[in-house]
Amino acid sequence: MSKRFLVTGGAGFIGSAVVRALIGNTQHEVLVVDRLTYAGNLDSLAPVATSSRFHFVQKDICDEAAIASVLADFAPDIVMHLAAESHVDRSIDGPGAFIQTNIVGTASLLNASLAYWRRLPAHQGAAFRFHHISTDEVFGSLGADGAFDETTAYDPRSPYSASKAASDHLVRAWRHTYGLPTLITNCSNNYGPYHFPEKLIPLIILNGLEGKPLPVYGGGENIRDWLYVDEHAQALILVAQQGIVGETYCIGGDSERRNIDVVRAICGLLDEMAPDVALGRHEALITFVADRPGHDQRYAIDTGKIARDLGWRPQETFESGLAKTVRWYLDNRPWWERVRSGVYRGERLGLTGH
């Protein structure tokens, strides 16, 4: 049975992957609500933009009246909330935008969704879901052992993660106080096609293609669990439809890697797929730079709950996903050249404190 999905932040990296999957793999109808900030890119929705089941409105989630009108007009069965400021370095330079979008915006969206939900007929109200998409960074930093799971205490370390932690708490509060049927997911680091090039993997790919330095924070020893974005999108759609109201699900890729090993793997793929005779090996471009303030040492996700409850496990290995990602950037130069020519040109962010 087809449903109506309202996806906030649907022109962003993860949001656009969700929308492409919904339009491409299901019969659901989708409305994207996006403010189109620097990281929102309609080009990322081009593969599905001609579908009669795809709709788009440019709105700010902080504008509660506008969102209330959109909800009334579209009448969604499921709200998937992905709109967020999401870059740690940018949050260090300018935390205000993160507080406004991630905290105030989430509260506005919750208020509008609650009012909409309360007006629904009983059978529609029982089926409605508000799915909030969050990050593993709310849990802080791990030592050498262990992994985050749904019972991990919150310990955010950056303005970004603190703002996302606050938004998670607001979603739970609206569930417990008002009864709004909510779900929360916390994911590990995503990578894959259409990734805005300020993040590690696309930045290294594009700098490598352009023969520019490949910046690695500190000694490159920080560890992240990497999740291929299209697999994340599949997991999110599964949770939105089959997750138990009030529950949280952690989504990871079971692919822990040191940052330096990620960079070296990209260099190896570039040597193979886009050899540069003048440069030689791309590893020669690796440049160690001053670490960012409060850089969490390690993240890892225990995916046991979503595997047990919903049957989801990551299928992509880091090696297979990374190879697909590098190939996508090689084959889609017009997409990233348009991004590079605009607001973002690969500048270093998050230097406050040095």
Protein backbone atom coordinates (compact mmCIF):
# COMPACT_ATOMS: atom_id res chain seq x y z
CA MET A 1 0.00 0.00 0.00
CA SER A 2 1.48 3.33 -1.04
CA LYS A 3 2.05 6.03 1.56
CA ARG A 4 2.83 9.72 1.54
CA PHE A 5 6.28 10.62 2.87
CA LEU A 6 7.29 14.16 3.79
CA VAL A 7 11.10 14.32 3.87
CA THR A 8 12.75 17.38 5.41
CA GLY A 9 16.27 18.02 4.17
CA GLY A 10 15.52 15.88 1.15
CA ALA A 11 17.97 17.78 -1.07
CA GLY A 12 20.87 16.95 1.25
CA PHE A 13 23.23 13.99 1.11
CA ILE A 14 21.32 11.38 3.13
CA GLY A 15 17.92 12.91 2.44
CA SER A 16 18.34 12.76 -1.32
CA ALA A 17 19.41 9.10 -1.05
CA VAL A 18 16.19 8.38 0.86
CA VAL A 19 14.12 10.20 -1.75
CA ARG A 20 15.84 8.44 -4.66
CA ALA A 21 15.18 5.09 -2.95
CA LEU A 22 11.53 5.92 -2.21
CA ILE A 23 10.81 6.99 -5.77
CA GLY A 24 13.00 4.38 -7.42
CA ASN A 25 12.12 1.30 -5.35
CA THR A 26 8.59 1.87 -4.02
CA GLN A 27 5.24 3.26 -5.08
CA HIS A 28 5.18 5.85 -2.28
CA GLU A 29 4.58 9.55 -2.91
CA VAL A 30 7.24 11.95 -1.66
CA LEU A 31 7.30 15.65 -0.79
CA VAL A 32 10.73 17.14 -0.14
CA VAL A 33 10.87 20.18 2.16
CA ASP A 34 14.27 21.85 1.99
CA ARG A 35 15.58 25.37 2.59
CA LEU A 36 18.34 24.80 0.01
CA THR A 37 21.24 26.02 2.11
CA TYR A 38 24.80 25.53 0.84
CA ALA A 39 24.54 21.73 1.28
CA GLY A 40 21.10 21.36 -0.32
CA ASN A 41 21.42 20.50 -3.97
CA LEU A 42 18.53 19.91 -6.37
CA ASP A 43 20.97 18.21 -8.75
CA SER A 44 21.02 15.32 -6.25
CA LEU A 45 17.28 14.85 -6.89
CA ALA A 46 17.54 15.08 -10.68
CA PRO A 47 17.26 11.27 -11.14
CA VAL A 48 13.71 11.32 -9.69
CA ALA A 49 12.58 14.88 -10.36
CA THR A 50 10.41 13.96 -13.33
CA SER A 51 8.39 11.37 -11.40
CA SER A 52 4.73 12.23 -10.85
CA ARG A 53 5.17 10.94 -7.28
CA PHE A 54 7.89 13.49 -6.48
CA HIS A 55 7.12 16.96 -5.13
CA PHE A 56 9.32 19.74 -3.78
CA VAL A 57 8.78 22.91 -1.75
CA GLN A 58 11.47 25.31 -0.58
CA LYS A 59 10.63 26.04 3.05
CA ASP A 60 12.48 26.52 6.33
CA ILE A 61 11.57 24.09 9.13
CA CYS A 62 11.93 26.99 11.57
CA ASP A 63 8.88 28.61 9.95
CA GLU A 64 6.20 26.74 11.88
CA ALA A 65 3.28 28.36 10.07
CA ALA A 66 4.71 27.48 6.66
CA ILE A 67 5.35 23.88 7.72
CA ALA A 68 1.83 23.62 9.17
CA SER A 69 0.45 24.69 5.80
CA VAL A 70 2.62 22.15 3.96
CA LEU A 71 1.46 19.36 6.28
CA ALA A 72 -2.18 20.30 5.78
CA ASP A 73 -1.82 20.43 1.99
CA PHE A 74 0.24 17.24 1.49
CA ALA A 75 -1.30 15.16 4.31
CA PRO A 76 1.67 12.84 4.91
CA ASP A 77 1.48 9.43 6.55
CA ILE A 78 5.14 9.62 7.56
CA VAL A 79 7.41 12.59 8.32
CA MET A 80 11.11 11.78 7.95
CA HIS A 81 13.15 14.56 9.53
CA LEU A 82 16.63 14.85 8.03
CA ALA A 83 16.97 18.64 7.79
CA ALA A 84 20.02 19.63 9.83
CA GLU A 85 23.26 21.51 9.87
CA SER A 86 25.67 18.61 9.95
CA HIS A 87 29.36 19.54 9.69
CA VAL A 88 31.40 19.53 12.91
CA ASP A 89 33.97 22.03 11.64
CA ARG A 90 31.26 24.48 10.59
CA SER A 91 29.69 24.15 14.04
CA ILE A 92 32.99 25.16 15.63
CA ASP A 93 33.19 28.27 13.45
CA GLY A 94 29.51 29.21 13.80
CA PRO A 95 27.42 27.30 16.35
CA GLY A 96 24.43 29.65 16.08
CA ALA A 97 23.14 28.16 12.83
CA PHE A 98 23.26 24.67 14.36
CA ILE A 99 21.26 25.76 17.39
CA GLN A 100 18.71 27.46 15.16
CA THR A 101 18.18 24.67 12.62
CA ASN A 102 18.81 21.55 14.68
CA ILE A 103 17.12 22.61 17.93
CA VAL A 104 14.65 25.41 17.14
CA GLY A 105 13.82 23.92 13.75
CA THR A 106 13.15 20.48 15.22
CA ALA A 107 10.91 22.00 17.90
CA SER A 108 8.96 23.91 15.24
CA LEU A 109 8.57 20.78 13.11
CA LEU A 110 7.43 18.77 16.13
CA ASN A 111 4.84 21.42 17.04
CA ALA A 112 3.47 21.56 13.51
CA SER A 113 3.44 17.75 13.23
CA LEU A 114 1.68 17.38 16.59
CA ALA A 115 -1.07 19.79 15.59
CA TYR A 116 -1.46 18.00 12.24
CA TRP A 117 -1.52 14.55 13.90
CA ARG A 118 -4.16 15.59 16.41
CA ARG A 119 -6.53 16.51 13.57
CA LEU A 120 -6.21 13.17 11.80
CA PRO A 121 -9.03 10.60 11.89
CA ALA A 122 -8.31 7.83 14.40
CA HIS A 123 -7.15 5.22 11.86
CA GLN A 124 -4.79 7.67 10.15
CA GLY A 125 -3.50 8.99 13.46
CA ALA A 126 -2.68 5.44 14.59
CA ALA A 127 -0.65 4.86 11.41
CA PHE A 128 1.19 8.21 11.40
CA ARG A 129 4.92 8.25 12.19
CA PHE A 130 7.45 11.02 12.91
CA HIS A 131 10.91 9.60 12.20
CA HIS A 132 13.84 11.69 13.45
CA ILE A 133 17.22 10.90 11.87
CA SER A 134 20.20 11.58 14.12
CA THR A 135 23.88 10.70 14.54
CA ASP A 136 26.14 8.53 16.69
CA GLU A 137 28.09 11.67 17.60
CA VAL A 138 25.54 12.39 20.35
CA PHE A 139 27.16 9.57 22.34
CA GLY A 140 30.58 11.21 22.55
CA SER A 141 33.81 9.31 22.04
CA LEU A 142 34.75 5.66 22.56
CA GLY A 143 38.02 4.24 23.79
CA ALA A 144 39.73 1.30 22.13
CA ASP A 145 36.89 -1.12 22.91
CA GLY A 146 33.11 -1.23 22.83
CA ALA A 147 30.42 0.22 20.59
CA PHE A 148 27.49 2.60 20.86
CA ASP A 149 24.04 1.09 21.15
CA GLU A 150 20.54 2.28 21.97
CA THR A 151 21.27 2.33 25.72
CA THR A 152 24.48 4.43 25.52
CA ALA A 153 24.39 7.60 27.61
CA TYR A 154 24.57 10.89 25.73
CA ASP A 155 27.89 12.76 25.92
CA PRO A 156 28.11 15.19 22.98
CA ARG A 157 31.46 16.97 22.51
CA SER A 158 30.94 19.52 19.69
CA PRO A 159 28.35 22.23 19.03
CA TYR A 160 27.03 20.03 16.20
CA SER A 161 26.62 16.89 18.31
CA ALA A 162 25.19 18.89 21.22
CA SER A 163 22.54 20.38 18.93
CA LYS A 164 21.64 16.93 17.58
CA ALA A 165 21.48 15.53 21.13
CA ALA A 166 19.08 18.31 22.04
CA SER A 167 16.89 17.50 19.04
CA ASP A 168 16.79 13.81 20.03
CA HIS A 169 15.67 14.79 23.52
CA LEU A 170 12.95 17.05 22.10
CA VAL A 171 11.59 14.21 19.95
CA ARG A 172 11.41 11.90 22.96
CA ALA A 173 9.76 14.64 25.01
CA TRP A 174 7.04 15.14 22.39
CA ARG A 175 6.47 11.38 22.44
CA HIS A 176 6.22 11.08 26.22
CA THR A 177 4.41 14.37 26.88
CA TYR A 178 2.01 14.57 23.95
CA GLY A 179 1.87 11.02 22.60
CA LEU A 180 3.24 11.90 19.16
CA PRO A 181 4.21 8.57 17.50
CA THR A 182 7.95 9.06 17.05
CA LEU A 183 10.97 6.98 16.07
CA ILE A 184 14.66 7.89 16.31
CA THR A 185 17.65 6.47 14.45
CA ASN A 186 21.31 7.23 15.18
CA CYS A 187 23.73 6.48 12.36
CA SER A 188 27.47 6.25 11.89
CA ASN A 189 29.45 8.22 9.27
CA ASN A 190 27.83 8.01 5.85
CA TYR A 191 29.66 8.02 2.53
CA GLY A 192 28.73 7.48 -1.11
CA PRO A 193 27.44 9.32 -4.19
CA TYR A 194 26.25 12.95 -4.02
CA HIS A 195 28.26 13.66 -0.84
CA PHE A 196 28.97 17.36 -0.28
CA PRO A 197 32.74 17.78 -0.73
CA GLU A 198 33.61 19.29 2.64
CA LYS A 199 33.41 15.82 4.22
CA LEU A 200 36.46 13.55 4.40
CA ILE A 201 35.87 10.98 1.67
CA PRO A 202 34.64 13.27 -1.15
CA LEU A 203 37.20 15.93 -0.21
CA ILE A 204 40.03 13.41 -0.52
CA ILE A 205 38.67 12.05 -3.81
CA LEU A 206 38.31 15.48 -5.41
CA ASN A 207 41.58 16.89 -4.07
CA GLY A 208 43.30 13.76 -5.34
CA LEU A 209 41.79 14.17 -8.79
CA GLU A 210 42.93 17.80 -8.83
CA GLY A 211 46.43 17.05 -7.52
CA LYS A 212 45.85 19.09 -4.36
CA PRO A 213 47.07 18.24 -0.82
CA LEU A 214 45.06 15.56 1.00
CA PRO A 215 44.57 16.99 4.52
CA VAL A 216 44.53 14.49 7.40
CA TYR A 217 43.83 15.76 10.93
CA GLY A 218 46.48 14.99 13.54
CA GLY A 219 48.09 11.64 12.80
CA GLY A 220 45.00 10.20 11.13
CA GLU A 221 44.40 7.84 14.08
CA ASN A 222 40.74 8.83 14.67
CA ILE A 223 38.43 5.90 13.93
CA ARG A 224 34.98 6.00 12.37
CA ASP A 225 32.42 3.36 11.40
CA TRP A 226 31.53 3.92 7.74
CA LEU A 227 28.02 3.33 6.37
CA TYR A 228 27.25 3.38 2.63
CA VAL A 229 24.52 5.98 2.15
CA ASP A 230 22.21 3.90 -0.06
CA GLU A 231 22.17 1.13 2.56
CA HIS A 232 21.41 3.72 5.23
CA ALA A 233 18.50 4.96 3.11
CA GLN A 234 17.09 1.43 2.91
CA ALA A 235 17.38 1.07 6.70
CA LEU A 236 15.66 4.41 7.30
CA ILE A 237 12.70 3.52 5.08
CA LEU A 238 12.42 0.17 6.87
CA VAL A 239 12.41 1.83 10.31
CA ALA A 240 9.88 4.47 9.22
CA GLN A 241 7.44 1.76 8.12
CA GLN A 242 8.11 -1.13 10.50
CA GLY A 243 9.86 0.35 13.54
CA ILE A 244 8.09 0.27 16.90
CA VAL A 245 6.80 3.65 18.07
CA GLY A 246 8.95 5.18 20.78
CA GLU A 247 11.97 3.02 19.94
CA THR A 248 15.49 4.05 18.88
CA TYR A 249 17.55 2.12 16.34
CA CYS A 250 21.31 2.46 15.80
CA ILE A 251 22.41 2.03 12.19
CA GLY A 252 26.05 1.36 11.31
CA GLY A 253 28.16 -0.12 8.56
CA ASP A 254 30.27 -2.57 10.60
CA SER A 255 33.25 -0.92 8.89
CA GLU A 256 35.59 0.72 11.40
CA ARG A 257 38.60 2.38 9.81
CA ARG A 258 41.29 4.85 10.91
CA ASN A 259 41.09 8.09 8.93
CA ILE A 260 44.59 7.56 7.54
CA ASP A 261 43.59 4.12 6.26
CA VAL A 262 40.51 5.60 4.58
CA VAL A 263 42.69 8.18 2.84
CA ARG A 264 45.23 5.57 1.75
CA ALA A 265 42.45 3.34 0.40
CA ILE A 266 41.12 6.25 -1.68
CA CYS A 267 44.65 6.93 -2.96
CA GLY A 268 44.96 3.31 -4.06
CA LEU A 269 41.64 3.47 -5.92
CA LEU A 270 42.62 6.74 -7.61
CA ASP A 271 45.96 5.21 -8.65
CA GLU A 272 43.98 2.39 -10.25
CA MET A 273 41.01 4.27 -11.74
CA ALA A 274 42.51 7.69 -12.53
CA PRO A 275 46.31 7.33 -12.75
CA ASP A 276 48.30 10.57 -12.87
CA VAL A 277 51.60 9.99 -14.62
CA ALA A 278 53.06 13.33 -13.55
CA LEU A 279 52.08 12.80 -9.90
CA GLY A 280 52.79 9.12 -9.50
CA ARG A 281 51.16 7.64 -6.40
CA HIS A 282 48.39 9.75 -4.89
CA GLU A 283 49.70 8.99 -1.38
CA ALA A 284 52.40 11.58 -2.08
CA LEU A 285 49.69 14.24 -1.62
CA ILE A 286 48.86 13.27 1.99
CA THR A 287 49.44 16.24 4.29
CA PHE A 288 49.02 16.04 8.06
CA VAL A 289 47.37 19.16 9.49
CA ALA A 290 46.61 20.44 13.00
CA ASP A 291 43.81 18.47 14.61
CA ARG A 292 40.45 20.14 15.14
CA PRO A 293 39.36 21.10 18.67
CA GLY A 294 37.68 18.30 20.63
CA HIS A 295 38.14 15.70 17.88
CA ASP A 296 36.44 12.50 19.12
CA GLN A 297 38.79 9.52 18.99
CA ARG A 298 36.53 6.67 17.95
CA TYR A 299 32.94 5.89 17.00
CA ALA A 300 31.49 2.42 16.49
CA ILE A 301 27.90 1.18 16.25
CA ASP A 302 26.37 -2.04 17.54
CA THR A 303 23.70 -2.91 14.95
CA GLY A 304 22.31 -5.85 16.91
CA LYS A 305 18.91 -4.33 17.69
CA ILE A 306 17.94 -3.36 14.14
CA ALA A 307 19.19 -6.75 12.95
CA ARG A 308 17.11 -8.63 15.53
CA ASP A 309 13.98 -6.51 15.37
CA LEU A 310 13.79 -5.55 11.70
CA GLY A 311 16.17 -7.93 9.92
CA TRP A 312 18.47 -5.20 8.58
CA ARG A 313 22.22 -5.73 8.25
CA PRO A 314 24.74 -3.86 6.11
CA GLN A 315 25.57 -5.77 2.93
CA GLU A 316 28.17 -3.42 1.47
CA THR A 317 31.76 -3.86 2.59
CA PHE A 318 33.82 -0.71 3.03
CA GLU A 319 36.01 -1.77 0.10
CA SER A 320 33.09 -2.36 -2.27
CA GLY A 321 31.29 0.81 -1.18
CA LEU A 322 34.40 2.95 -1.47
CA ALA A 323 35.14 1.64 -4.96
CA LYS A 324 31.56 2.50 -6.03
CA THR A 325 31.96 5.95 -4.50
CA VAL A 326 35.22 6.79 -6.25
CA ARG A 327 33.80 5.52 -9.56
CA TRP A 328 30.69 7.70 -9.09
CA TYR A 329 32.80 10.85 -8.65
CA LEU A 330 34.84 9.97 -11.72
CA ASP A 331 31.65 9.44 -13.74
CA ASN A 332 29.75 12.48 -12.42
CA ARG A 333 32.18 15.34 -12.77
CA PRO A 334 29.43 17.87 -13.74
CA TRP A 335 27.70 17.35 -10.36
CA TRP A 336 30.71 18.13 -8.21
CA GLU A 337 32.10 20.81 -10.52
CA ARG A 338 28.83 22.72 -10.06
CA VAL A 339 29.17 22.37 -6.29
CA ARG A 340 32.84 23.38 -6.37
CA SER A 341 32.07 26.47 -8.42
CA GLY A 342 29.58 27.75 -5.84
CA VAL A 343 29.76 28.43 -2.11
CA TYR A 344 32.22 25.73 -1.16
CA ARG A 345 35.71 25.42 -2.65
CA GLY A 346 37.46 23.08 -0.23
CA GLU A 347 38.58 25.61 2.38
CA ARG A 348 39.67 24.47 5.82
CA LEU A 349 36.99 24.98 8.46
CA GLY A 350 36.90 24.54 12.23
CA LEU A 351 40.19 26.21 13.10
CA THR A 352 38.86 28.03 16.17
CA GLY A 353 41.16 27.37 19.11
CA HIS A 354 44.38 27.23 17.07
